Amino acid sequence: MLCTFGEHSYVKVFWSYAKRDDPKPHNVTLLRESFESVLGQCLGEDVDLFQDKTGLNWGDAWRKKLETEVASSNIFVCILSPSYFNSKMCIQELVWAIDNKVRLYPILYRACPKGLKSNFSEKSDSHVEILNEKSVIISETQYEDFTKLRNEDKNSPVVLAFLDKICEQIA
């Protein structure tokens, strides 16, 4: 699970989320920051965590960069919500992770009454059909439920206990 750079090892994580779920005060980003810190503590190693907000630069070929980052990751953390399943880009990232056999770690961020799958309506578009078909894999993957903690301070004892639990499983 560890990547190496010279003699130094680290875990490479891709953080997949819907931008609609991260308005000010940027709770999804704050959760990512706490997750990254706790995971590094649990591993005793550096964590290389990619989030588009900090990993993309002006002028980057953003789609290719996202695909490369997903493919080179050990861990794919997806923040599940109705917005996630309504985002073709989020589901595309998930497909890249599945195709590259990156380990999936879903976190249920907001209840998804329509199910844990996408249902894009452009039926004549074969790419959209693939997104819909592959998105079902997430419903077959055990997730951790964060819905009741979503509005808690991301450094509160209850959130840190949640992060300890999931990061210890990864470590």
N, C-alpha and C. Protein backbone atom coordinates (compact mmCIF):
# COMPACT_ATOMS: atom_id res chain seq x y z
N MET A 1 0.81 -1.19 0.00
CA MET A 1 0.00 0.00 0.00
C MET A 1 0.85 1.25 0.00
N LEU A 2 2.08 1.17 0.41
CA LEU A 2 2.94 2.35 0.47
C LEU A 2 3.65 2.58 -0.84
N CYS A 3 3.77 3.83 -1.25
CA CYS A 3 4.59 4.23 -2.37
C CYS A 3 5.96 4.58 -1.80
N THR A 4 6.97 4.56 -2.63
CA THR A 4 8.28 4.96 -2.14
C THR A 4 8.83 6.08 -3.01
N PHE A 5 9.56 6.93 -2.37
CA PHE A 5 10.27 8.01 -3.03
C PHE A 5 11.65 8.02 -2.41
N GLY A 6 12.63 7.48 -3.13
CA GLY A 6 13.94 7.29 -2.53
C GLY A 6 13.80 6.27 -1.42
N GLU A 7 14.25 6.61 -0.24
CA GLU A 7 14.13 5.72 0.91
C GLU A 7 12.90 6.05 1.75
N HIS A 8 12.14 7.05 1.32
CA HIS A 8 11.00 7.54 2.09
C HIS A 8 9.72 6.90 1.55
N SER A 9 8.87 6.38 2.43
CA SER A 9 7.62 5.78 1.98
C SER A 9 6.44 6.67 2.38
N TYR A 10 5.37 6.56 1.63
CA TYR A 10 4.18 7.35 1.92
C TYR A 10 2.97 6.68 1.29
N VAL A 11 1.81 7.06 1.75
CA VAL A 11 0.56 6.60 1.18
C VAL A 11 0.02 7.72 0.30
N LYS A 12 -0.47 7.37 -0.86
CA LYS A 12 -1.03 8.34 -1.80
C LYS A 12 -2.55 8.17 -1.81
N VAL A 13 -3.24 9.26 -1.47
CA VAL A 13 -4.70 9.25 -1.32
C VAL A 13 -5.32 10.24 -2.30
N PHE A 14 -6.40 9.82 -2.95
CA PHE A 14 -7.18 10.73 -3.78
C PHE A 14 -8.48 11.02 -3.06
N TRP A 15 -8.81 12.29 -2.86
CA TRP A 15 -10.00 12.74 -2.14
C TRP A 15 -11.04 13.17 -3.17
N SER A 16 -12.10 12.37 -3.34
CA SER A 16 -13.12 12.62 -4.35
C SER A 16 -14.41 13.11 -3.68
N TYR A 17 -14.90 14.25 -4.11
CA TYR A 17 -16.07 14.86 -3.48
C TYR A 17 -16.76 15.77 -4.49
N ALA A 18 -18.01 16.09 -4.23
CA ALA A 18 -18.73 17.04 -5.08
C ALA A 18 -18.52 18.45 -4.54
N LYS A 19 -18.11 19.34 -5.40
CA LYS A 19 -17.87 20.73 -4.99
C LYS A 19 -19.11 21.34 -4.33
N ARG A 20 -20.30 20.94 -4.77
CA ARG A 20 -21.54 21.46 -4.20
C ARG A 20 -21.63 21.17 -2.69
N ASP A 21 -20.96 20.13 -2.22
CA ASP A 21 -20.99 19.77 -0.79
C ASP A 21 -19.96 20.54 0.03
N ASP A 22 -19.19 21.41 -0.60
CA ASP A 22 -18.11 22.09 0.12
C ASP A 22 -18.19 23.62 0.05
N PRO A 23 -19.40 24.20 0.28
CA PRO A 23 -19.46 25.67 0.32
C PRO A 23 -18.85 26.17 1.63
N LYS A 24 -18.65 27.48 1.73
CA LYS A 24 -18.12 28.04 2.98
C LYS A 24 -18.97 27.54 4.13
N PRO A 25 -18.39 27.09 5.20
CA PRO A 25 -16.99 27.18 5.64
C PRO A 25 -16.11 26.02 5.16
N HIS A 26 -16.47 25.36 4.06
CA HIS A 26 -15.66 24.31 3.45
C HIS A 26 -15.49 23.10 4.36
N ASN A 27 -16.61 22.56 4.83
CA ASN A 27 -16.57 21.43 5.76
C ASN A 27 -15.95 20.17 5.18
N VAL A 28 -16.13 19.92 3.88
CA VAL A 28 -15.51 18.74 3.28
C VAL A 28 -13.99 18.91 3.25
N THR A 29 -13.53 20.10 2.95
CA THR A 29 -12.08 20.36 2.96
C THR A 29 -11.53 20.28 4.38
N LEU A 30 -12.27 20.80 5.35
CA LEU A 30 -11.83 20.69 6.75
C LEU A 30 -11.77 19.23 7.20
N LEU A 31 -12.73 18.42 6.75
CA LEU A 31 -12.71 16.99 7.05
C LEU A 31 -11.48 16.34 6.42
N ARG A 32 -11.18 16.73 5.17
CA ARG A 32 -9.99 16.20 4.50
C ARG A 32 -8.71 16.55 5.27
N GLU A 33 -8.62 17.76 5.76
CA GLU A 33 -7.42 18.17 6.51
C GLU A 33 -7.27 17.34 7.78
N SER A 34 -8.35 17.13 8.51
CA SER A 34 -8.29 16.32 9.73
C SER A 34 -7.98 14.87 9.39
N PHE A 35 -8.61 14.34 8.31
CA PHE A 35 -8.35 12.97 7.87
C PHE A 35 -6.87 12.78 7.55
N GLU A 36 -6.31 13.70 6.80
CA GLU A 36 -4.90 13.61 6.40
C GLU A 36 -3.99 13.58 7.63
N SER A 37 -4.26 14.42 8.60
CA SER A 37 -3.47 14.46 9.83
C SER A 37 -3.58 13.16 10.62
N VAL A 38 -4.81 12.69 10.81
CA VAL A 38 -5.02 11.46 11.58
C VAL A 38 -4.42 10.25 10.86
N LEU A 39 -4.59 10.17 9.54
CA LEU A 39 -4.03 9.04 8.79
C LEU A 39 -2.50 9.03 8.91
N GLY A 40 -1.88 10.18 8.79
CA GLY A 40 -0.42 10.25 8.96
C GLY A 40 0.02 9.79 10.33
N GLN A 41 -0.75 10.16 11.36
CA GLN A 41 -0.43 9.71 12.72
C GLN A 41 -0.59 8.20 12.86
N CYS A 42 -1.66 7.65 12.29
CA CYS A 42 -1.91 6.21 12.38
C CYS A 42 -0.85 5.40 11.64
N LEU A 43 -0.39 5.93 10.51
CA LEU A 43 0.62 5.24 9.71
C LEU A 43 2.05 5.47 10.22
N GLY A 44 2.24 6.61 10.87
CA GLY A 44 3.59 6.99 11.23
C GLY A 44 4.42 7.32 9.99
N GLU A 45 3.73 7.65 8.92
CA GLU A 45 4.36 7.95 7.63
C GLU A 45 3.71 9.19 7.03
N ASP A 46 4.38 9.80 6.08
CA ASP A 46 3.79 10.91 5.36
C ASP A 46 2.61 10.43 4.52
N VAL A 47 1.65 11.28 4.32
CA VAL A 47 0.51 11.01 3.46
C VAL A 47 0.53 12.04 2.34
N ASP A 48 0.46 11.55 1.11
CA ASP A 48 0.36 12.41 -0.05
C ASP A 48 -1.11 12.40 -0.46
N LEU A 49 -1.86 13.43 -0.06
CA LEU A 49 -3.30 13.47 -0.31
C LEU A 49 -3.62 14.51 -1.36
N PHE A 50 -4.27 14.06 -2.43
CA PHE A 50 -4.64 14.96 -3.52
C PHE A 50 -6.09 15.38 -3.38
N GLN A 51 -6.31 16.67 -3.35
CA GLN A 51 -7.64 17.26 -3.47
C GLN A 51 -7.54 18.31 -4.56
N ASP A 52 -8.51 18.35 -5.45
CA ASP A 52 -8.43 19.27 -6.58
C ASP A 52 -8.21 20.71 -6.15
N LYS A 53 -8.76 21.07 -5.01
CA LYS A 53 -8.68 22.45 -4.51
C LYS A 53 -7.23 22.89 -4.27
N THR A 54 -6.38 21.95 -3.88
CA THR A 54 -4.98 22.28 -3.60
C THR A 54 -4.01 21.64 -4.60
N GLY A 55 -4.49 20.67 -5.38
CA GLY A 55 -3.60 19.93 -6.26
C GLY A 55 -3.60 20.36 -7.71
N LEU A 56 -4.57 21.17 -8.09
CA LEU A 56 -4.62 21.66 -9.47
C LEU A 56 -4.10 23.09 -9.52
N ASN A 57 -3.31 23.37 -10.52
CA ASN A 57 -2.76 24.71 -10.70
C ASN A 57 -3.31 25.34 -11.97
N TRP A 58 -3.29 26.63 -12.00
CA TRP A 58 -3.71 27.38 -13.16
C TRP A 58 -2.93 26.89 -14.37
N GLY A 59 -3.64 26.57 -15.43
CA GLY A 59 -2.99 26.12 -16.66
C GLY A 59 -2.83 24.62 -16.76
N ASP A 60 -3.13 23.87 -15.68
CA ASP A 60 -3.03 22.41 -15.74
C ASP A 60 -4.06 21.85 -16.71
N ALA A 61 -3.71 20.78 -17.38
CA ALA A 61 -4.68 20.00 -18.15
C ALA A 61 -5.44 19.20 -17.09
N TRP A 62 -6.47 19.81 -16.51
CA TRP A 62 -7.09 19.33 -15.28
C TRP A 62 -7.65 17.91 -15.39
N ARG A 63 -8.29 17.56 -16.48
CA ARG A 63 -8.87 16.22 -16.60
C ARG A 63 -7.78 15.15 -16.61
N LYS A 64 -6.73 15.38 -17.38
CA LYS A 64 -5.61 14.42 -17.44
C LYS A 64 -4.91 14.33 -16.09
N LYS A 65 -4.75 15.47 -15.42
CA LYS A 65 -4.12 15.48 -14.10
C LYS A 65 -4.95 14.67 -13.10
N LEU A 66 -6.28 14.85 -13.12
CA LEU A 66 -7.13 14.07 -12.21
C LEU A 66 -7.01 12.58 -12.49
N GLU A 67 -7.04 12.20 -13.76
CA GLU A 67 -6.93 10.78 -14.12
C GLU A 67 -5.60 10.20 -13.65
N THR A 68 -4.52 10.95 -13.86
CA THR A 68 -3.19 10.50 -13.43
C THR A 68 -3.11 10.37 -11.91
N GLU A 69 -3.67 11.34 -11.20
CA GLU A 69 -3.65 11.30 -9.73
C GLU A 69 -4.44 10.12 -9.19
N VAL A 70 -5.62 9.86 -9.77
CA VAL A 70 -6.41 8.70 -9.33
C VAL A 70 -5.64 7.42 -9.59
N ALA A 71 -5.13 7.27 -10.80
CA ALA A 71 -4.45 6.03 -11.20
C ALA A 71 -3.20 5.75 -10.36
N SER A 72 -2.55 6.80 -9.87
CA SER A 72 -1.31 6.60 -9.11
C SER A 72 -1.56 6.54 -7.60
N SER A 73 -2.81 6.56 -7.19
CA SER A 73 -3.14 6.52 -5.76
C SER A 73 -3.25 5.09 -5.25
N ASN A 74 -3.02 4.93 -3.96
CA ASN A 74 -3.25 3.65 -3.28
C ASN A 74 -4.67 3.59 -2.74
N ILE A 75 -5.17 4.76 -2.36
CA ILE A 75 -6.45 4.87 -1.65
C ILE A 75 -7.30 5.93 -2.33
N PHE A 76 -8.58 5.60 -2.51
CA PHE A 76 -9.55 6.52 -3.10
C PHE A 76 -10.65 6.73 -2.07
N VAL A 77 -10.68 7.92 -1.46
CA VAL A 77 -11.71 8.25 -0.48
C VAL A 77 -12.78 9.04 -1.22
N CYS A 78 -14.00 8.50 -1.23
CA CYS A 78 -15.09 9.21 -1.89
C CYS A 78 -16.13 9.63 -0.87
N ILE A 79 -16.50 10.89 -0.94
CA ILE A 79 -17.43 11.51 -0.01
C ILE A 79 -18.82 11.47 -0.65
N LEU A 80 -19.61 10.48 -0.23
CA LEU A 80 -20.87 10.17 -0.89
C LEU A 80 -22.01 11.09 -0.44
N SER A 81 -22.77 11.54 -1.42
CA SER A 81 -23.91 12.42 -1.19
C SER A 81 -24.75 12.40 -2.48
N PRO A 82 -25.97 12.93 -2.44
CA PRO A 82 -26.71 13.05 -3.70
C PRO A 82 -25.94 13.86 -4.75
N SER A 83 -25.25 14.90 -4.32
CA SER A 83 -24.46 15.70 -5.27
C SER A 83 -23.34 14.88 -5.90
N TYR A 84 -22.73 13.99 -5.13
CA TYR A 84 -21.66 13.13 -5.65
C TYR A 84 -22.20 12.29 -6.81
N PHE A 85 -23.35 11.66 -6.59
CA PHE A 85 -23.91 10.78 -7.62
C PHE A 85 -24.54 11.54 -8.78
N ASN A 86 -24.73 12.85 -8.64
CA ASN A 86 -25.22 13.69 -9.73
C ASN A 86 -24.09 14.38 -10.49
N SER A 87 -22.85 14.10 -10.10
CA SER A 87 -21.69 14.72 -10.74
C SER A 87 -21.00 13.70 -11.66
N LYS A 88 -21.03 13.97 -12.95
CA LYS A 88 -20.36 13.06 -13.89
C LYS A 88 -18.86 12.99 -13.61
N MET A 89 -18.28 14.11 -13.18
CA MET A 89 -16.84 14.10 -12.90
C MET A 89 -16.53 13.23 -11.70
N CYS A 90 -17.33 13.30 -10.65
CA CYS A 90 -17.10 12.44 -9.48
C CYS A 90 -17.19 10.97 -9.88
N ILE A 91 -18.20 10.63 -10.65
CA ILE A 91 -18.37 9.23 -11.06
C ILE A 91 -17.24 8.83 -12.01
N GLN A 92 -16.77 9.76 -12.85
CA GLN A 92 -15.63 9.45 -13.71
C GLN A 92 -14.39 9.14 -12.86
N GLU A 93 -14.17 9.92 -11.81
CA GLU A 93 -13.04 9.63 -10.91
C GLU A 93 -13.20 8.24 -10.30
N LEU A 94 -14.41 7.89 -9.89
CA LEU A 94 -14.68 6.57 -9.34
C LEU A 94 -14.37 5.48 -10.36
N VAL A 95 -14.78 5.68 -11.60
CA VAL A 95 -14.50 4.70 -12.66
C VAL A 95 -13.00 4.54 -12.85
N TRP A 96 -12.25 5.66 -12.86
CA TRP A 96 -10.80 5.55 -12.98
C TRP A 96 -10.22 4.74 -11.82
N ALA A 97 -10.72 4.97 -10.61
CA ALA A 97 -10.23 4.22 -9.45
C ALA A 97 -10.54 2.73 -9.61
N ILE A 98 -11.75 2.40 -10.02
CA ILE A 98 -12.13 1.00 -10.21
C ILE A 98 -11.27 0.36 -11.28
N ASP A 99 -11.12 1.04 -12.42
CA ASP A 99 -10.33 0.49 -13.54
C ASP A 99 -8.87 0.30 -13.17
N ASN A 100 -8.35 1.11 -12.26
CA ASN A 100 -6.94 1.01 -11.85
C ASN A 100 -6.77 0.22 -10.56
N LYS A 101 -7.86 -0.40 -10.09
CA LYS A 101 -7.84 -1.24 -8.89
C LYS A 101 -7.31 -0.50 -7.66
N VAL A 102 -7.69 0.78 -7.55
CA VAL A 102 -7.35 1.58 -6.38
C VAL A 102 -8.35 1.23 -5.28
N ARG A 103 -7.86 1.04 -4.08
CA ARG A 103 -8.72 0.63 -2.96
C ARG A 103 -9.72 1.74 -2.63
N LEU A 104 -11.02 1.38 -2.59
CA LEU A 104 -12.09 2.35 -2.33
C LEU A 104 -12.39 2.43 -0.84
N TYR A 105 -12.50 3.65 -0.33
CA TYR A 105 -12.91 3.91 1.04
C TYR A 105 -14.01 4.98 1.02
N PRO A 106 -15.28 4.54 0.87
CA PRO A 106 -16.38 5.52 0.82
C PRO A 106 -16.79 6.00 2.21
N ILE A 107 -17.12 7.28 2.28
CA ILE A 107 -17.66 7.89 3.50
C ILE A 107 -19.02 8.48 3.11
N LEU A 108 -20.09 8.00 3.77
CA LEU A 108 -21.42 8.54 3.52
C LEU A 108 -21.53 9.87 4.25
N TYR A 109 -21.57 10.94 3.48
CA TYR A 109 -21.57 12.30 4.02
C TYR A 109 -22.99 12.84 4.20
N ARG A 110 -23.87 12.48 3.29
CA ARG A 110 -25.26 12.92 3.33
C ARG A 110 -26.11 11.76 2.80
N ALA A 111 -27.25 11.51 3.43
CA ALA A 111 -28.14 10.42 3.00
C ALA A 111 -28.46 10.54 1.51
N CYS A 112 -28.53 9.40 0.85
CA CYS A 112 -28.79 9.35 -0.59
C CYS A 112 -30.10 8.60 -0.83
N PRO A 113 -31.24 9.29 -0.75
CA PRO A 113 -32.53 8.62 -0.87
C PRO A 113 -32.75 7.88 -2.19
N LYS A 114 -32.06 8.31 -3.26
CA LYS A 114 -32.20 7.64 -4.56
C LYS A 114 -31.22 6.48 -4.73
N GLY A 115 -30.47 6.17 -3.67
CA GLY A 115 -29.52 5.06 -3.73
C GLY A 115 -28.10 5.51 -3.99
N LEU A 116 -27.19 4.57 -3.81
CA LEU A 116 -25.76 4.84 -3.99
C LEU A 116 -25.35 4.48 -5.41
N LYS A 117 -25.88 5.25 -6.35
CA LYS A 117 -25.57 5.04 -7.76
C LYS A 117 -25.96 6.30 -8.54
N SER A 118 -25.33 6.44 -9.68
CA SER A 118 -25.72 7.55 -10.56
C SER A 118 -26.82 7.07 -11.49
N ASN A 119 -27.57 8.02 -11.99
CA ASN A 119 -28.64 7.70 -12.92
C ASN A 119 -28.75 8.83 -13.94
N PHE A 120 -27.66 9.01 -14.68
CA PHE A 120 -27.65 10.05 -15.71
C PHE A 120 -28.60 9.63 -16.83
N SER A 121 -29.31 10.57 -17.39
CA SER A 121 -30.41 10.24 -18.29
C SER A 121 -30.06 10.15 -19.77
N GLU A 122 -28.89 10.55 -20.17
CA GLU A 122 -28.53 10.50 -21.59
C GLU A 122 -28.29 9.05 -22.02
N LYS A 123 -29.34 8.31 -22.24
CA LYS A 123 -29.25 6.87 -22.52
C LYS A 123 -28.50 6.55 -23.81
N SER A 124 -28.51 7.45 -24.77
CA SER A 124 -27.84 7.17 -26.04
C SER A 124 -26.34 7.39 -25.97
N ASP A 125 -25.85 7.94 -24.89
CA ASP A 125 -24.43 8.21 -24.72
C ASP A 125 -23.78 7.01 -24.04
N SER A 126 -22.94 6.27 -24.77
CA SER A 126 -22.35 5.05 -24.21
C SER A 126 -21.46 5.34 -23.01
N HIS A 127 -20.80 6.50 -22.99
CA HIS A 127 -19.96 6.85 -21.85
C HIS A 127 -20.80 7.03 -20.58
N VAL A 128 -21.95 7.67 -20.73
CA VAL A 128 -22.85 7.86 -19.59
C VAL A 128 -23.36 6.51 -19.09
N GLU A 129 -23.64 5.59 -20.00
CA GLU A 129 -24.08 4.25 -19.60
C GLU A 129 -23.01 3.56 -18.76
N ILE A 130 -21.75 3.72 -19.15
CA ILE A 130 -20.63 3.14 -18.39
C ILE A 130 -20.56 3.75 -16.99
N LEU A 131 -20.72 5.07 -16.92
CA LEU A 131 -20.70 5.74 -15.61
C LEU A 131 -21.81 5.18 -14.72
N ASN A 132 -23.01 5.07 -15.26
CA ASN A 132 -24.13 4.54 -14.47
C ASN A 132 -23.87 3.10 -14.03
N GLU A 133 -23.38 2.27 -14.94
CA GLU A 133 -23.11 0.86 -14.61
C GLU A 133 -22.03 0.73 -13.53
N LYS A 134 -20.94 1.44 -13.69
CA LYS A 134 -19.82 1.31 -12.74
C LYS A 134 -20.13 1.94 -11.39
N SER A 135 -20.99 2.96 -11.37
CA SER A 135 -21.29 3.62 -10.10
C SER A 135 -21.95 2.66 -9.11
N VAL A 136 -22.59 1.62 -9.60
CA VAL A 136 -23.27 0.65 -8.73
C VAL A 136 -22.26 -0.06 -7.82
N ILE A 137 -21.00 -0.14 -8.24
CA ILE A 137 -19.98 -0.81 -7.42
C ILE A 137 -19.89 -0.19 -6.04
N ILE A 138 -20.13 1.11 -5.94
CA ILE A 138 -20.05 1.76 -4.63
C ILE A 138 -21.11 1.21 -3.69
N SER A 139 -22.27 0.81 -4.21
CA SER A 139 -23.33 0.25 -3.35
C SER A 139 -22.96 -1.13 -2.83
N GLU A 140 -21.95 -1.74 -3.44
CA GLU A 140 -21.49 -3.06 -3.02
C GLU A 140 -20.23 -2.96 -2.15
N THR A 141 -19.84 -1.75 -1.82
CA THR A 141 -18.63 -1.49 -1.04
C THR A 141 -19.03 -0.94 0.32
N GLN A 142 -18.49 -1.53 1.38
CA GLN A 142 -18.81 -1.06 2.73
C GLN A 142 -18.36 0.37 2.91
N TYR A 143 -19.24 1.20 3.42
CA TYR A 143 -18.90 2.59 3.67
C TYR A 143 -18.97 2.87 5.16
N GLU A 144 -18.40 4.00 5.56
CA GLU A 144 -18.52 4.50 6.93
C GLU A 144 -19.50 5.66 6.91
N ASP A 145 -20.41 5.68 7.88
CA ASP A 145 -21.48 6.67 7.91
C ASP A 145 -21.06 7.89 8.74
N PHE A 146 -20.95 9.02 8.06
CA PHE A 146 -20.55 10.28 8.68
C PHE A 146 -21.73 11.25 8.77
N THR A 147 -22.92 10.82 8.38
CA THR A 147 -24.05 11.74 8.25
C THR A 147 -24.38 12.47 9.54
N LYS A 148 -24.32 11.80 10.68
CA LYS A 148 -24.68 12.44 11.95
C LYS A 148 -23.58 13.38 12.46
N LEU A 149 -22.39 13.25 11.91
CA LEU A 149 -21.25 14.08 12.35
C LEU A 149 -20.95 15.23 11.38
N ARG A 150 -21.66 15.25 10.27
CA ARG A 150 -21.37 16.21 9.19
C ARG A 150 -21.29 17.66 9.67
N ASN A 151 -22.13 18.04 10.61
CA ASN A 151 -22.17 19.43 11.06
C ASN A 151 -21.34 19.70 12.32
N GLU A 152 -20.62 18.70 12.77
CA GLU A 152 -19.73 18.87 13.94
C GLU A 152 -18.44 19.54 13.51
N ASP A 153 -17.79 20.21 14.45
CA ASP A 153 -16.46 20.76 14.22
C ASP A 153 -15.53 19.61 13.81
N LYS A 154 -14.76 19.82 12.78
CA LYS A 154 -13.93 18.73 12.23
C LYS A 154 -12.75 18.35 13.12
N ASN A 155 -12.50 19.12 14.19
CA ASN A 155 -11.48 18.74 15.17
C ASN A 155 -12.10 18.41 16.52
N SER A 156 -13.43 18.19 16.54
CA SER A 156 -14.10 17.83 17.79
C SER A 156 -13.73 16.39 18.16
N PRO A 157 -13.82 16.05 19.44
CA PRO A 157 -13.49 14.69 19.86
C PRO A 157 -14.28 13.61 19.13
N VAL A 158 -15.56 13.86 18.84
CA VAL A 158 -16.38 12.84 18.18
C VAL A 158 -15.94 12.64 16.72
N VAL A 159 -15.58 13.70 16.03
CA VAL A 159 -15.09 13.57 14.65
C VAL A 159 -13.71 12.92 14.65
N LEU A 160 -12.84 13.33 15.56
CA LEU A 160 -11.51 12.72 15.62
C LEU A 160 -11.59 11.24 15.98
N ALA A 161 -12.55 10.85 16.82
CA ALA A 161 -12.74 9.42 17.13
C ALA A 161 -13.19 8.66 15.88
N PHE A 162 -14.08 9.26 15.10
CA PHE A 162 -14.50 8.66 13.83
C PHE A 162 -13.29 8.48 12.91
N LEU A 163 -12.48 9.53 12.78
CA LEU A 163 -11.30 9.47 11.90
C LEU A 163 -10.28 8.46 12.41
N ASP A 164 -10.08 8.41 13.73
CA ASP A 164 -9.19 7.38 14.31
C ASP A 164 -9.64 6.00 13.86
N LYS A 165 -10.93 5.73 13.98
CA LYS A 165 -11.48 4.42 13.64
C LYS A 165 -11.21 4.05 12.19
N ILE A 166 -11.53 4.97 11.26
CA ILE A 166 -11.35 4.62 9.86
C ILE A 166 -9.87 4.60 9.45
N CYS A 167 -9.09 5.51 10.01
CA CYS A 167 -7.66 5.56 9.63
C CYS A 167 -6.91 4.36 10.19
N GLU A 168 -7.30 3.87 11.36
CA GLU A 168 -6.68 2.65 11.90
C GLU A 168 -6.98 1.45 11.00
N GLN A 169 -8.15 1.42 10.39
CA GLN A 169 -8.48 0.34 9.45
C GLN A 169 -7.61 0.42 8.20
N ILE A 170 -7.33 1.63 7.74
CA ILE A 170 -6.48 1.80 6.57
C ILE A 170 -5.05 1.41 6.90
N ALA A 171 -4.58 1.84 8.08
CA ALA A 171 -3.19 1.58 8.48
C ALA A 171 -2.97 0.09 8.67
